[in-house]
């Protein structure tokens, strides 16, 4: 019976992962979507919880119930982020803002040529227009936390860069709030030059480091 239950959970996880497959629009190949992965992981975790919380007599039933509940939760979170990601990619097309996915997080990278002039925390018109599209999606999918980080290059004093990066993060947050995104979903932080993505020894690298990132996580 124990082996049968284990095999059932493994089969359930595999089936859910396969059912979450999508076609990569760039390669044309089938790939497992995040909702399928989430459902599979949820099934395994749920099965473990079900086993631990059940009596020895009812452990088999607990495994199956836990697996089903975990799969539903994991799959629903993954799917929620999947559709939100698709909407954001549609809105950000052609804006210069990149959209990347890391597990159940969606990360928007807004370069400084879109958002701010040098040494300024006042949003450019292009940045304000872009954030209007972001706000539309965030209002539709309101079960996500919004973490906004301001970044600078290493030019100038550390304190100046920390202050400027915080002001830029706050400006982005204010634009989203003005567009109707709930303020209690938003957290801002200025990290100055502490999280570079390129070398600060070249102008090209500095330009990449001057950015604002918006990370969306399921609540």
C-alpha atoms as a PDB file:
ATOM      1  CA  UNK A   1       0.000   0.000   0.000  1.00  0.00           C
ATOM      2  CA  UNK A   2       2.831   2.401   0.904  1.00  0.00           C
ATOM      3  CA  UNK A   3       4.551   1.805  -2.437  1.00  0.00           C
ATOM      4  CA  UNK A   4       1.252   2.304  -4.225  1.00  0.00           C
ATOM      5  CA  UNK A   5       0.692   5.659  -2.503  1.00  0.00           C
ATOM      6  CA  UNK A   6       4.204   6.827  -3.371  1.00  0.00           C
ATOM      7  CA  UNK A   7       3.739   5.783  -6.974  1.00  0.00           C
ATOM      8  CA  UNK A   8       0.391   7.571  -7.093  1.00  0.00           C
ATOM      9  CA  UNK A   9       1.872  10.827  -5.814  1.00  0.00           C
ATOM     10  CA  UNK A  10       4.780  10.604  -8.284  1.00  0.00           C
ATOM     11  CA  UNK A  11       2.355   9.964 -11.122  1.00  0.00           C
ATOM     12  CA  UNK A  12       0.156  12.852 -10.008  1.00  0.00           C
ATOM     13  CA  UNK A  13       3.133  15.239  -9.864  1.00  0.00           C
ATOM     14  CA  UNK A  14       4.308  14.153 -13.297  1.00  0.00           C
ATOM     15  CA  UNK A  15       0.869  14.492 -14.801  1.00  0.00           C
ATOM     16  CA  UNK A  16       0.448  17.983 -13.362  1.00  0.00           C
ATOM     17  CA  UNK A  17       3.849  19.055 -14.654  1.00  0.00           C
ATOM     18  CA  UNK A  18       3.052  17.755 -18.129  1.00  0.00           C
ATOM     19  CA  UNK A  19      -0.364  19.397 -18.074  1.00  0.00           C
ATOM     20  CA  UNK A  20       1.414  22.674 -17.335  1.00  0.00           C
ATOM     21  CA  UNK A  21       3.459  22.428 -20.536  1.00  0.00           C
ATOM     22  CA  UNK A  22       3.432  25.327 -22.936  1.00  0.00           C
ATOM     23  CA  UNK A  23       5.080  25.978 -26.276  1.00  0.00           C
ATOM     24  CA  UNK A  24       8.068  28.302 -26.220  1.00  0.00           C
ATOM     25  CA  UNK A  25       7.243  31.022 -28.781  1.00  0.00           C
ATOM     26  CA  UNK A  26      10.913  31.424 -29.699  1.00  0.00           C
ATOM     27  CA  UNK A  27      12.001  27.787 -30.109  1.00  0.00           C
ATOM     28  CA  UNK A  28       8.680  26.103 -30.865  1.00  0.00           C
ATOM     29  CA  UNK A  29       9.553  23.425 -28.298  1.00  0.00           C
ATOM     30  CA  UNK A  30       7.334  22.188 -25.487  1.00  0.00           C
ATOM     31  CA  UNK A  31       8.356  23.302 -22.005  1.00  0.00           C
ATOM     32  CA  UNK A  32       6.978  22.962 -18.499  1.00  0.00           C
ATOM     33  CA  UNK A  33       5.269  26.156 -17.326  1.00  0.00           C
ATOM     34  CA  UNK A  34       5.671  27.543 -13.823  1.00  0.00           C
ATOM     35  CA  UNK A  35       2.100  26.599 -12.961  1.00  0.00           C
ATOM     36  CA  UNK A  36       2.842  22.958 -13.804  1.00  0.00           C
ATOM     37  CA  UNK A  37       6.050  22.996 -11.777  1.00  0.00           C
ATOM     38  CA  UNK A  38       4.248  24.644  -8.866  1.00  0.00           C
ATOM     39  CA  UNK A  39       1.484  22.051  -8.963  1.00  0.00           C
ATOM     40  CA  UNK A  40       4.014  19.209  -9.025  1.00  0.00           C
ATOM     41  CA  UNK A  41       5.988  20.605  -6.102  1.00  0.00           C
ATOM     42  CA  UNK A  42       2.778  21.357  -4.233  1.00  0.00           C
ATOM     43  CA  UNK A  43       1.647  17.751  -4.693  1.00  0.00           C
ATOM     44  CA  UNK A  44       4.856  16.374  -3.179  1.00  0.00           C
ATOM     45  CA  UNK A  45       4.907  18.837  -0.266  1.00  0.00           C
ATOM     46  CA  UNK A  46       1.209  18.369   0.363  1.00  0.00           C
ATOM     47  CA  UNK A  47       1.635  14.616   0.402  1.00  0.00           C
ATOM     48  CA  UNK A  48       4.331  14.950   3.073  1.00  0.00           C
ATOM     49  CA  UNK A  49       2.154  17.194   5.202  1.00  0.00           C
ATOM     50  CA  UNK A  50      -0.779  14.842   4.757  1.00  0.00           C
ATOM     51  CA  UNK A  51       1.316  11.879   5.878  1.00  0.00           C
ATOM     52  CA  UNK A  52       2.652  13.644   8.967  1.00  0.00           C
ATOM     53  CA  UNK A  53      -0.730  14.983  10.049  1.00  0.00           C
ATOM     54  CA  UNK A  54      -2.607  11.679   9.694  1.00  0.00           C
ATOM     55  CA  UNK A  55      -2.828   8.702  11.986  1.00  0.00           C
ATOM     56  CA  UNK A  56      -1.041   5.535  10.901  1.00  0.00           C
ATOM     57  CA  UNK A  57      -4.369   3.993   9.918  1.00  0.00           C
ATOM     58  CA  UNK A  58      -5.392   6.945   7.723  1.00  0.00           C
ATOM     59  CA  UNK A  59      -1.936   7.836   6.457  1.00  0.00           C
ATOM     60  CA  UNK A  60      -2.601   6.639   2.918  1.00  0.00           C
ATOM     61  CA  UNK A  61      -5.713   8.768   2.651  1.00  0.00           C
ATOM     62  CA  UNK A  62      -3.862  11.716   4.168  1.00  0.00           C
ATOM     63  CA  UNK A  63      -1.107  11.441   1.569  1.00  0.00           C
ATOM     64  CA  UNK A  64      -3.575  11.575  -1.310  1.00  0.00           C
ATOM     65  CA  UNK A  65      -5.636  14.406   0.185  1.00  0.00           C
ATOM     66  CA  UNK A  66      -2.492  16.384   0.979  1.00  0.00           C
ATOM     67  CA  UNK A  67      -1.115  15.826  -2.511  1.00  0.00           C
ATOM     68  CA  UNK A  68      -4.330  17.008  -4.143  1.00  0.00           C
ATOM     69  CA  UNK A  69      -4.588  20.096  -1.921  1.00  0.00           C
ATOM     70  CA  UNK A  70      -0.922  20.976  -2.394  1.00  0.00           C
ATOM     71  CA  UNK A  71      -1.196  20.573  -6.150  1.00  0.00           C
ATOM     72  CA  UNK A  72      -4.203  22.867  -6.300  1.00  0.00           C
ATOM     73  CA  UNK A  73      -2.466  25.569  -4.257  1.00  0.00           C
ATOM     74  CA  UNK A  74       0.869  25.317  -6.068  1.00  0.00           C
ATOM     75  CA  UNK A  75      -0.770  25.261  -9.475  1.00  0.00           C
ATOM     76  CA  UNK A  76      -3.061  28.193  -8.769  1.00  0.00           C
ATOM     77  CA  UNK A  77      -0.188  30.428  -7.600  1.00  0.00           C
ATOM     78  CA  UNK A  78       1.911  29.472 -10.621  1.00  0.00           C
ATOM     79  CA  UNK A  79      -0.965  30.084 -13.012  1.00  0.00           C
ATOM     80  CA  UNK A  80      -1.758  33.441 -11.396  1.00  0.00           C
ATOM     81  CA  UNK A  81       1.822  34.569 -11.959  1.00  0.00           C
ATOM     82  CA  UNK A  82       1.882  33.058 -15.472  1.00  0.00           C
ATOM     83  CA  UNK A  83      -1.045  35.141 -16.702  1.00  0.00           C
ATOM     84  CA  UNK A  84       0.264  38.261 -14.962  1.00  0.00           C
ATOM     85  CA  UNK A  85       3.647  37.762 -16.632  1.00  0.00           C
ATOM     86  CA  UNK A  86       2.010  37.406 -20.046  1.00  0.00           C
ATOM     87  CA  UNK A  87       0.052  40.647 -19.549  1.00  0.00           C
ATOM     88  CA  UNK A  88       3.191  42.506 -18.450  1.00  0.00           C
ATOM     89  CA  UNK A  89       5.177  41.248 -21.436  1.00  0.00           C
ATOM     90  CA  UNK A  90       2.408  42.532 -23.683  1.00  0.00           C
ATOM     91  CA  UNK A  91       2.357  45.955 -21.992  1.00  0.00           C
ATOM     92  CA  UNK A  92       6.162  46.301 -21.884  1.00  0.00           C
ATOM     93  CA  UNK A  93       6.781  45.344 -25.516  1.00  0.00           C
ATOM     94  CA  UNK A  94       8.796  48.083 -27.204  1.00  0.00           C
ATOM     95  CA  UNK A  95       9.256  50.161 -24.031  1.00  0.00           C
ATOM     96  CA  UNK A  96      12.836  49.125 -23.228  1.00  0.00           C
ATOM     97  CA  UNK A  97      11.703  47.500 -19.970  1.00  0.00           C
ATOM     98  CA  UNK A  98      12.610  43.821 -19.640  1.00  0.00           C
ATOM     99  CA  UNK A  99      10.396  41.228 -17.953  1.00  0.00           C
ATOM    100  CA  UNK A 100      12.041  38.156 -16.432  1.00  0.00           C
ATOM    101  CA  UNK A 101      10.687  35.280 -14.356  1.00  0.00           C
ATOM    102  CA  UNK A 102      12.354  33.622 -11.378  1.00  0.00           C
ATOM    103  CA  UNK A 103      10.153  30.932  -9.861  1.00  0.00           C
ATOM    104  CA  UNK A 104       6.990  32.674  -8.680  1.00  0.00           C
ATOM    105  CA  UNK A 105       8.562  36.124  -8.945  1.00  0.00           C
ATOM    106  CA  UNK A 106       8.305  38.510 -11.904  1.00  0.00           C
ATOM    107  CA  UNK A 107      11.058  41.103 -12.264  1.00  0.00           C
ATOM    108  CA  UNK A 108      10.764  44.284 -14.320  1.00  0.00           C
ATOM    109  CA  UNK A 109      14.060  46.006 -15.103  1.00  0.00           C
ATOM    110  CA  UNK A 110      13.610  49.683 -15.958  1.00  0.00           C
ATOM    111  CA  UNK A 111      16.837  51.234 -17.323  1.00  0.00           C
ATOM    112  CA  UNK A 112      17.652  54.847 -16.580  1.00  0.00           C
ATOM    113  CA  UNK A 113      17.306  55.964 -20.199  1.00  0.00           C
ATOM    114  CA  UNK A 114      13.594  55.145 -19.800  1.00  0.00           C
ATOM    115  CA  UNK A 115      13.051  56.454 -16.291  1.00  0.00           C
ATOM    116  CA  UNK A 116      15.355  59.277 -15.108  1.00  0.00           C
ATOM    117  CA  UNK A 117      17.858  61.848 -16.304  1.00  0.00           C
ATOM    118  CA  UNK A 118      21.317  61.899 -14.703  1.00  0.00           C
ATOM    119  CA  UNK A 119      21.213  62.951 -11.020  1.00  0.00           C
ATOM    120  CA  UNK A 120      17.420  63.361 -11.205  1.00  0.00           C
ATOM    121  CA  UNK A 121      14.579  61.554  -9.448  1.00  0.00           C
ATOM    122  CA  UNK A 122      11.876  63.087 -11.643  1.00  0.00           C
ATOM    123  CA  UNK A 123      10.334  60.513 -13.967  1.00  0.00           C
ATOM    124  CA  UNK A 124      10.723  61.102 -17.689  1.00  0.00           C
ATOM    125  CA  UNK A 125       7.481  61.100 -19.730  1.00  0.00           C
ATOM    126  CA  UNK A 126       8.468  57.719 -21.234  1.00  0.00           C
ATOM    127  CA  UNK A 127       8.902  56.255 -17.758  1.00  0.00           C
ATOM    128  CA  UNK A 128       5.574  57.646 -16.564  1.00  0.00           C
ATOM    129  CA  UNK A 129       3.796  56.210 -19.606  1.00  0.00           C
ATOM    130  CA  UNK A 130       5.435  52.837 -19.072  1.00  0.00           C
ATOM    131  CA  UNK A 131       4.342  52.759 -15.435  1.00  0.00           C
ATOM    132  CA  UNK A 132       0.769  53.413 -16.534  1.00  0.00           C
ATOM    133  CA  UNK A 133       0.873  50.034 -18.290  1.00  0.00           C
ATOM    134  CA  UNK A 134       2.445  48.380 -15.244  1.00  0.00           C
ATOM    135  CA  UNK A 135      -0.238  49.866 -12.968  1.00  0.00           C
ATOM    136  CA  UNK A 136      -3.032  48.547 -15.205  1.00  0.00           C
ATOM    137  CA  UNK A 137      -1.738  45.001 -14.757  1.00  0.00           C
ATOM    138  CA  UNK A 138      -1.061  45.399 -11.028  1.00  0.00           C
ATOM    139  CA  UNK A 139      -4.611  46.601 -10.424  1.00  0.00           C
ATOM    140  CA  UNK A 140      -6.037  43.644 -12.341  1.00  0.00           C
ATOM    141  CA  UNK A 141      -3.810  41.169 -10.472  1.00  0.00           C
ATOM    142  CA  UNK A 142      -3.875  42.615  -6.974  1.00  0.00           C
ATOM    143  CA  UNK A 143      -2.687  39.536  -5.069  1.00  0.00           C
ATOM    144  CA  UNK A 144       0.986  40.413  -5.517  1.00  0.00           C
ATOM    145  CA  UNK A 145       3.450  42.355  -3.388  1.00  0.00           C
ATOM    146  CA  UNK A 146       5.434  45.044  -5.225  1.00  0.00           C
ATOM    147  CA  UNK A 147       9.069  45.532  -4.196  1.00  0.00           C
ATOM    148  CA  UNK A 148      10.758  48.513  -5.871  1.00  0.00           C
ATOM    149  CA  UNK A 149      14.546  48.917  -5.739  1.00  0.00           C
ATOM    150  CA  UNK A 150      16.447  51.976  -6.937  1.00  0.00           C
ATOM    151  CA  UNK A 151      20.004  51.394  -8.208  1.00  0.00           C
ATOM    152  CA  UNK A 152      22.852  53.731  -9.176  1.00  0.00           C
ATOM    153  CA  UNK A 153      26.375  53.374 -10.524  1.00  0.00           C
ATOM    154  CA  UNK A 154      29.365  54.103  -8.283  1.00  0.00           C
ATOM    155  CA  UNK A 155      30.012  57.679  -9.454  1.00  0.00           C
ATOM    156  CA  UNK A 156      29.894  60.195  -6.589  1.00  0.00           C
ATOM    157  CA  UNK A 157      29.674  59.621  -2.853  1.00  0.00           C
ATOM    158  CA  UNK A 158      27.953  56.599  -1.392  1.00  0.00           C
ATOM    159  CA  UNK A 159      25.525  58.737   0.603  1.00  0.00           C
ATOM    160  CA  UNK A 160      24.522  60.708  -2.486  1.00  0.00           C
ATOM    161  CA  UNK A 161      23.842  57.491  -4.393  1.00  0.00           C
ATOM    162  CA  UNK A 162      21.909  55.915  -1.538  1.00  0.00           C
ATOM    163  CA  UNK A 163      19.694  58.998  -1.286  1.00  0.00           C
ATOM    164  CA  UNK A 164      19.202  59.267  -5.049  1.00  0.00           C
ATOM    165  CA  UNK A 165      18.343  55.576  -5.426  1.00  0.00           C
ATOM    166  CA  UNK A 166      15.750  55.824  -2.633  1.00  0.00           C
ATOM    167  CA  UNK A 167      14.213  58.924  -4.205  1.00  0.00           C
ATOM    168  CA  UNK A 168      13.961  57.163  -7.564  1.00  0.00           C
ATOM    169  CA  UNK A 169      12.324  54.096  -6.016  1.00  0.00           C
ATOM    170  CA  UNK A 170       9.880  56.398  -4.223  1.00  0.00           C
ATOM    171  CA  UNK A 171       9.100  58.253  -7.463  1.00  0.00           C
ATOM    172  CA  UNK A 172       8.207  54.982  -9.179  1.00  0.00           C
ATOM    173  CA  UNK A 173       6.055  53.970  -6.208  1.00  0.00           C
ATOM    174  CA  UNK A 174       4.267  57.346  -6.233  1.00  0.00           C
ATOM    175  CA  UNK A 175       3.492  56.975  -9.932  1.00  0.00           C
ATOM    176  CA  UNK A 176       1.958  53.535  -9.351  1.00  0.00           C
ATOM    177  CA  UNK A 177      -0.054  54.747  -6.347  1.00  0.00           C
ATOM    178  CA  UNK A 178      -1.321  57.727  -8.349  1.00  0.00           C
ATOM    179  CA  UNK A 179      -2.514  55.243 -10.976  1.00  0.00           C
ATOM    180  CA  UNK A 180      -4.526  53.358  -8.333  1.00  0.00           C
ATOM    181  CA  UNK A 181      -2.179  50.640  -7.038  1.00  0.00           C
ATOM    182  CA  UNK A 182      -2.736  50.160  -3.282  1.00  0.00           C
ATOM    183  CA  UNK A 183       0.100  51.698  -1.266  1.00  0.00           C
ATOM    184  CA  UNK A 184       0.095  48.821   1.256  1.00  0.00           C
ATOM    185  CA  UNK A 185       1.260  46.433  -1.475  1.00  0.00           C
ATOM    186  CA  UNK A 186       4.366  48.500  -2.213  1.00  0.00           C
ATOM    187  CA  UNK A 187       7.774  48.492  -0.531  1.00  0.00           C
ATOM    188  CA  UNK A 188      10.636  50.733  -1.707  1.00  0.00           C
ATOM    189  CA  UNK A 189      14.356  50.648  -1.046  1.00  0.00           C
ATOM    190  CA  UNK A 190      17.380  52.498  -2.410  1.00  0.00           C
ATOM    191  CA  UNK A 191      20.410  50.218  -2.678  1.00  0.00           C
ATOM    192  CA  UNK A 192      22.700  52.730  -4.409  1.00  0.00           C
ATOM    193  CA  UNK A 193      25.673  51.034  -6.102  1.00  0.00           C
ATOM    194  CA  UNK A 194      25.490  47.852  -3.976  1.00  0.00           C
ATOM    195  CA  UNK A 195      23.856  45.541  -6.540  1.00  0.00           C
ATOM    196  CA  UNK A 196      25.643  46.163  -9.863  1.00  0.00           C
ATOM    197  CA  UNK A 197      24.834  43.997 -12.883  1.00  0.00           C
ATOM    198  CA  UNK A 198      27.836  45.247 -14.893  1.00  0.00           C
ATOM    199  CA  UNK A 199      31.269  46.748 -14.295  1.00  0.00           C
ATOM    200  CA  UNK A 200      31.373  50.338 -13.107  1.00  0.00           C
ATOM    201  CA  UNK A 201      34.738  50.765 -14.841  1.00  0.00           C
ATOM    202  CA  UNK A 202      33.086  51.522 -18.218  1.00  0.00           C
ATOM    203  CA  UNK A 203      30.384  53.961 -19.281  1.00  0.00           C
ATOM    204  CA  UNK A 204      28.373  51.097 -20.761  1.00  0.00           C
ATOM    205  CA  UNK A 205      28.508  49.212 -17.465  1.00  0.00           C
ATOM    206  CA  UNK A 206      27.526  52.278 -15.473  1.00  0.00           C
ATOM    207  CA  UNK A 207      24.536  52.822 -17.753  1.00  0.00           C
ATOM    208  CA  UNK A 208      23.329  49.264 -17.071  1.00  0.00           C
ATOM    209  CA  UNK A 209      23.699  49.733 -13.321  1.00  0.00           C
ATOM    210  CA  UNK A 210      21.540  52.889 -13.282  1.00  0.00           C
ATOM    211  CA  UNK A 211      18.095  51.311 -13.138  1.00  0.00           C
ATOM    212  CA  UNK A 212      14.944  50.626 -11.128  1.00  0.00           C
ATOM    213  CA  UNK A 213      13.740  47.073 -10.609  1.00  0.00           C
ATOM    214  CA  UNK A 214      10.197  46.089  -9.686  1.00  0.00           C
ATOM    215  CA  UNK A 215       9.813  42.573  -8.253  1.00  0.00           C
ATOM    216  CA  UNK A 216       6.330  41.080  -7.981  1.00  0.00           C
ATOM    217  CA  UNK A 217       5.738  38.232  -5.545  1.00  0.00           C
ATOM    218  CA  UNK A 218       2.516  36.337  -4.731  1.00  0.00           C
ATOM    219  CA  UNK A 219       0.951  37.417  -1.443  1.00  0.00           C
END
